[in-house]
């Protein structure tokens, strides 16, 4: 998998660097940071059940892309080290982040491991915006355009990583990007009165086996009990649907 991912990123790298260099925003905080390049561990590659979690964007990921002082291998190794710390769960700064702690990732990880067996399940992380800006917050339209034109790799990553389950913590205000980048449709998932809080994500036919839901990012200003109820509902639906598909 890692060799395939490396080749995928290499195929886009020269064009990405070239197009990033001509962006005319002089404010370094609004310029693109390095892209999130995935590298998986052996457990994920061999897992019977593969789970992907998808966030919104990666703030300030290793600095300015235009500096071009980090290679594809460097960035893939940076990703793997960071995510290994997430999986181990002993990094205090990471544990304070709502995306990674029991408000989100740790909850889903624990629930799915209890249901399917820790030894059977592997996790990988991605973001809806592979390229963030060199500061915190929502990606600019300029950077979104750069990614669309120069680094559109989400579906190729899906082809390589072969996830069985995908949880999108991207929020309904980014649904246009979710539909565009993953070529999906969003359906009412039976929770609440609309698909605003939770939507079922339907992938193209070649990925019809993927069980997927979209909900809010855990930093969204929503009452904690509501978040817990949403997470429980999503986990219940994933488990039910997976078991039905694998009877």
Protein backbone atom coordinates (compact mmCIF):
# COMPACT_ATOMS: atom_id res chain seq x y z
CA UNK A 1 0.00 0.00 0.00
CA UNK A 2 2.72 2.47 0.94
CA UNK A 3 4.51 2.01 -2.36
CA UNK A 4 1.25 2.66 -4.22
CA UNK A 5 0.60 5.76 -2.13
CA UNK A 6 4.12 7.04 -2.79
CA UNK A 7 3.65 6.59 -6.54
CA UNK A 8 0.28 8.35 -6.39
CA UNK A 9 1.74 11.38 -4.63
CA UNK A 10 4.77 11.49 -6.92
CA UNK A 11 2.50 11.66 -9.95
CA UNK A 12 1.03 14.94 -8.66
CA UNK A 13 4.01 16.46 -6.84
CA UNK A 14 5.70 18.51 -9.56
CA UNK A 15 2.43 20.08 -10.70
CA UNK A 16 1.43 20.83 -7.12
CA UNK A 17 4.70 22.61 -6.32
CA UNK A 18 4.61 24.54 -9.57
CA UNK A 19 1.04 25.75 -9.08
CA UNK A 20 1.58 26.55 -5.40
CA UNK A 21 4.54 28.75 -6.30
CA UNK A 22 2.43 31.09 -8.42
CA UNK A 23 -0.22 31.78 -5.77
CA UNK A 24 0.00 35.51 -5.20
CA UNK A 25 -1.12 35.78 -1.56
CA UNK A 26 1.75 37.52 0.23
CA UNK A 27 0.35 36.71 3.68
CA UNK A 28 2.25 33.55 4.67
CA UNK A 29 -0.56 32.50 7.03
CA UNK A 30 -2.91 32.19 4.06
CA UNK A 31 -0.49 30.27 1.87
CA UNK A 32 -0.76 26.47 1.55
CA UNK A 33 0.97 24.19 4.01
CA UNK A 34 2.29 20.76 3.08
CA UNK A 35 -0.32 18.16 2.08
CA UNK A 36 -1.36 15.30 4.35
CA UNK A 37 0.36 12.26 2.84
CA UNK A 38 -0.81 8.94 4.25
CA UNK A 39 1.44 6.07 5.31
CA UNK A 40 -0.09 2.97 6.90
CA UNK A 41 1.28 0.59 9.48
CA UNK A 42 1.41 -3.17 9.05
CA UNK A 43 -1.66 -3.72 11.22
CA UNK A 44 -3.84 -1.62 8.93
CA UNK A 45 -2.53 -3.28 5.80
CA UNK A 46 -3.32 -6.75 7.18
CA UNK A 47 -6.55 -5.88 9.04
CA UNK A 48 -9.72 -7.80 8.27
CA UNK A 49 -11.72 -4.60 8.84
CA UNK A 50 -10.26 -1.28 7.73
CA UNK A 51 -11.64 1.97 9.15
CA UNK A 52 -10.92 5.49 7.87
CA UNK A 53 -11.70 8.64 9.84
CA UNK A 54 -11.83 11.90 7.90
CA UNK A 55 -11.49 15.36 9.43
CA UNK A 56 -11.82 18.80 7.91
CA UNK A 57 -8.33 20.22 7.31
CA UNK A 58 -4.82 20.05 8.74
CA UNK A 59 -3.73 23.37 10.22
CA UNK A 60 -0.12 24.41 9.57
CA UNK A 61 0.97 20.87 8.62
CA UNK A 62 4.79 21.12 8.69
CA UNK A 63 4.96 24.64 7.33
CA UNK A 64 4.87 26.32 3.95
CA UNK A 65 4.60 24.11 0.89
CA UNK A 66 6.49 26.60 -1.27
CA UNK A 67 9.63 26.13 0.82
CA UNK A 68 9.86 22.61 -0.65
CA UNK A 69 12.30 21.42 2.02
CA UNK A 70 10.41 18.21 2.85
CA UNK A 71 10.16 15.24 0.50
CA UNK A 72 7.21 12.92 -0.06
CA UNK A 73 8.95 10.29 2.08
CA UNK A 74 9.54 12.87 4.83
CA UNK A 75 5.87 13.82 4.90
CA UNK A 76 4.62 10.23 4.83
CA UNK A 77 6.89 9.40 7.77
CA UNK A 78 5.68 12.52 9.62
CA UNK A 79 2.12 11.30 9.14
CA UNK A 80 2.92 7.80 10.38
CA UNK A 81 4.72 9.07 13.51
CA UNK A 82 1.86 11.41 14.35
CA UNK A 83 -0.86 8.82 13.83
CA UNK A 84 1.07 6.16 15.75
CA UNK A 85 1.04 8.58 18.71
CA UNK A 86 -2.71 8.92 18.25
CA UNK A 87 -3.16 5.13 18.31
CA UNK A 88 -0.94 4.70 21.36
CA UNK A 89 -2.90 7.43 23.13
CA UNK A 90 -0.10 8.65 25.39
CA UNK A 91 0.65 12.03 23.79
CA UNK A 92 -0.87 14.70 26.07
CA UNK A 93 -1.24 17.39 23.42
CA UNK A 94 -2.96 15.01 21.01
CA UNK A 95 -5.23 13.67 23.78
CA UNK A 96 -6.49 17.20 24.45
CA UNK A 97 -7.78 17.54 20.88
CA UNK A 98 -11.50 16.86 20.55
CA UNK A 99 -11.03 15.10 17.21
CA UNK A 100 -8.77 12.46 18.79
CA UNK A 101 -10.08 12.03 22.32
CA UNK A 102 -13.21 10.30 23.62
CA UNK A 103 -15.42 12.95 22.05
CA UNK A 104 -14.69 11.37 18.69
CA UNK A 105 -11.92 9.03 17.52
CA UNK A 106 -11.27 7.23 20.81
CA UNK A 107 -14.98 6.57 21.17
CA UNK A 108 -15.36 5.03 17.71
CA UNK A 109 -12.07 3.14 18.01
CA UNK A 110 -13.05 1.61 21.35
CA UNK A 111 -16.59 0.77 20.31
CA UNK A 112 -15.60 -0.90 17.04
CA UNK A 113 -12.71 -2.79 18.64
CA UNK A 114 -15.04 -4.17 21.31
CA UNK A 115 -17.53 -5.27 18.66
CA UNK A 116 -15.17 -6.75 16.06
CA UNK A 117 -12.07 -7.58 18.11
CA UNK A 118 -9.03 -5.35 18.51
CA UNK A 119 -6.89 -7.79 16.56
CA UNK A 120 -9.20 -7.63 13.52
CA UNK A 121 -9.43 -3.89 12.95
CA UNK A 122 -7.06 -1.22 11.63
CA UNK A 123 -7.41 2.55 11.38
CA UNK A 124 -6.24 5.24 9.00
CA UNK A 125 -6.81 9.01 9.01
CA UNK A 126 -7.36 11.51 6.25
CA UNK A 127 -8.82 14.99 5.79
CA UNK A 128 -11.40 16.42 3.44
CA UNK A 129 -8.87 19.12 2.58
CA UNK A 130 -5.54 17.40 2.04
CA UNK A 131 -3.89 20.82 1.84
CA UNK A 132 -4.55 23.29 4.64
CA UNK A 133 -3.35 26.83 5.08
CA UNK A 134 -0.31 27.86 7.11
CA UNK A 135 -2.52 28.85 10.06
CA UNK A 136 -5.62 27.60 11.84
CA UNK A 137 -9.08 27.58 10.34
CA UNK A 138 -11.04 26.95 7.19
CA UNK A 139 -9.10 26.60 3.95
CA UNK A 140 -9.24 29.52 1.50
CA UNK A 141 -10.94 29.20 -1.88
CA UNK A 142 -7.54 29.71 -3.50
CA UNK A 143 -6.08 26.69 -1.70
CA UNK A 144 -9.22 24.63 -2.40
CA UNK A 145 -8.75 25.40 -6.09
CA UNK A 146 -5.08 24.43 -5.88
CA UNK A 147 -6.00 21.05 -4.42
CA UNK A 148 -8.77 20.42 -6.94
CA UNK A 149 -6.54 21.26 -9.89
CA UNK A 150 -3.23 19.81 -8.68
CA UNK A 151 -3.76 17.21 -5.95
CA UNK A 152 -7.11 15.47 -6.41
CA UNK A 153 -6.19 12.11 -4.84
CA UNK A 154 -9.03 11.12 -2.51
CA UNK A 155 -10.61 8.41 -4.66
CA UNK A 156 -7.22 7.00 -5.63
CA UNK A 157 -6.39 6.75 -1.92
CA UNK A 158 -9.67 4.90 -1.36
CA UNK A 159 -8.73 2.49 -4.16
CA UNK A 160 -5.37 1.80 -2.51
CA UNK A 161 -6.44 1.78 1.16
CA UNK A 162 -9.64 -0.24 0.62
CA UNK A 163 -11.52 0.93 3.74
CA UNK A 164 -14.63 -0.97 4.79
CA UNK A 165 -15.90 1.85 7.01
CA UNK A 166 -15.46 5.63 6.70
CA UNK A 167 -16.54 8.20 9.30
CA UNK A 168 -16.57 11.79 8.04
CA UNK A 169 -16.31 14.39 10.83
CA UNK A 170 -16.59 17.17 8.29
CA UNK A 171 -19.89 18.88 9.12
CA UNK A 172 -22.77 19.72 6.82
CA UNK A 173 -21.25 23.07 5.80
CA UNK A 174 -18.56 21.21 3.84
CA UNK A 175 -20.92 18.81 2.07
CA UNK A 176 -20.21 20.45 -1.28
CA UNK A 177 -16.52 19.51 -0.94
CA UNK A 178 -17.36 16.03 0.29
CA UNK A 179 -19.55 15.38 -2.75
CA UNK A 180 -17.00 16.85 -5.14
CA UNK A 181 -13.87 15.16 -3.82
CA UNK A 182 -15.27 11.71 -3.04
CA UNK A 183 -18.01 11.68 -5.72
CA UNK A 184 -20.62 10.61 -3.17
CA UNK A 185 -24.30 11.18 -2.49
CA UNK A 186 -25.70 12.02 0.94
CA UNK A 187 -28.92 10.46 2.22
CA UNK A 188 -31.07 10.94 5.31
CA UNK A 189 -29.74 8.47 7.87
CA UNK A 190 -32.84 8.20 10.07
CA UNK A 191 -31.45 10.39 12.84
CA UNK A 192 -33.31 13.56 13.93
CA UNK A 193 -35.47 15.20 11.26
CA UNK A 194 -32.91 15.87 8.53
CA UNK A 195 -29.46 14.87 7.29
CA UNK A 196 -27.86 17.96 8.86
CA UNK A 197 -26.59 16.13 11.96
CA UNK A 198 -25.95 12.72 10.39
CA UNK A 199 -26.01 11.74 6.73
CA UNK A 200 -25.42 8.34 5.19
CA UNK A 201 -22.66 8.59 2.59
CA UNK A 202 -23.13 6.56 -0.60
CA UNK A 203 -20.03 5.94 -2.70
CA UNK A 204 -19.84 5.20 -6.44
CA UNK A 205 -20.74 1.66 -7.51
CA UNK A 206 -17.18 0.32 -7.41
CA UNK A 207 -17.04 1.21 -3.70
CA UNK A 208 -20.60 0.17 -2.85
CA UNK A 209 -19.38 -2.03 0.03
CA UNK A 210 -18.14 0.97 2.03
CA UNK A 211 -20.27 1.78 5.09
CA UNK A 212 -20.04 5.50 5.70
CA UNK A 213 -21.61 8.34 7.66
CA UNK A 214 -21.02 12.08 7.88
CA UNK A 215 -21.54 14.05 11.06
CA UNK A 216 -20.30 17.22 12.74
CA UNK A 217 -16.71 17.87 13.71
CA UNK A 218 -16.40 17.36 17.50
CA UNK A 219 -15.40 21.02 17.92
CA UNK A 220 -18.81 22.14 16.64
CA UNK A 221 -20.70 24.11 19.28
CA UNK A 222 -23.31 21.52 20.07
CA UNK A 223 -24.44 20.18 23.46
CA UNK A 224 -22.31 17.25 24.62
CA UNK A 225 -25.24 14.91 25.18
CA UNK A 226 -26.33 15.44 21.58
CA UNK A 227 -22.83 14.59 20.38
CA UNK A 228 -22.79 11.40 22.45
CA UNK A 229 -26.17 10.38 21.08
CA UNK A 230 -24.97 11.00 17.51
CA UNK A 231 -21.80 9.01 18.01
CA UNK A 232 -23.72 6.12 19.53
CA UNK A 233 -26.21 6.14 16.67
CA UNK A 234 -23.45 6.14 14.03
CA UNK A 235 -21.60 3.28 15.75
CA UNK A 236 -24.83 1.27 16.05
CA UNK A 237 -25.60 1.77 12.35
CA UNK A 238 -22.08 0.85 11.27
CA UNK A 239 -22.11 -2.34 13.33
CA UNK A 240 -25.60 -3.35 12.14
CA UNK A 241 -24.84 -2.68 8.47
CA UNK A 242 -21.45 -4.38 8.58
CA UNK A 243 -22.89 -7.49 10.21
CA UNK A 244 -25.72 -7.59 7.66
CA UNK A 245 -23.24 -7.37 4.77
CA UNK A 246 -21.08 -10.13 6.19
CA UNK A 247 -23.65 -12.72 7.26
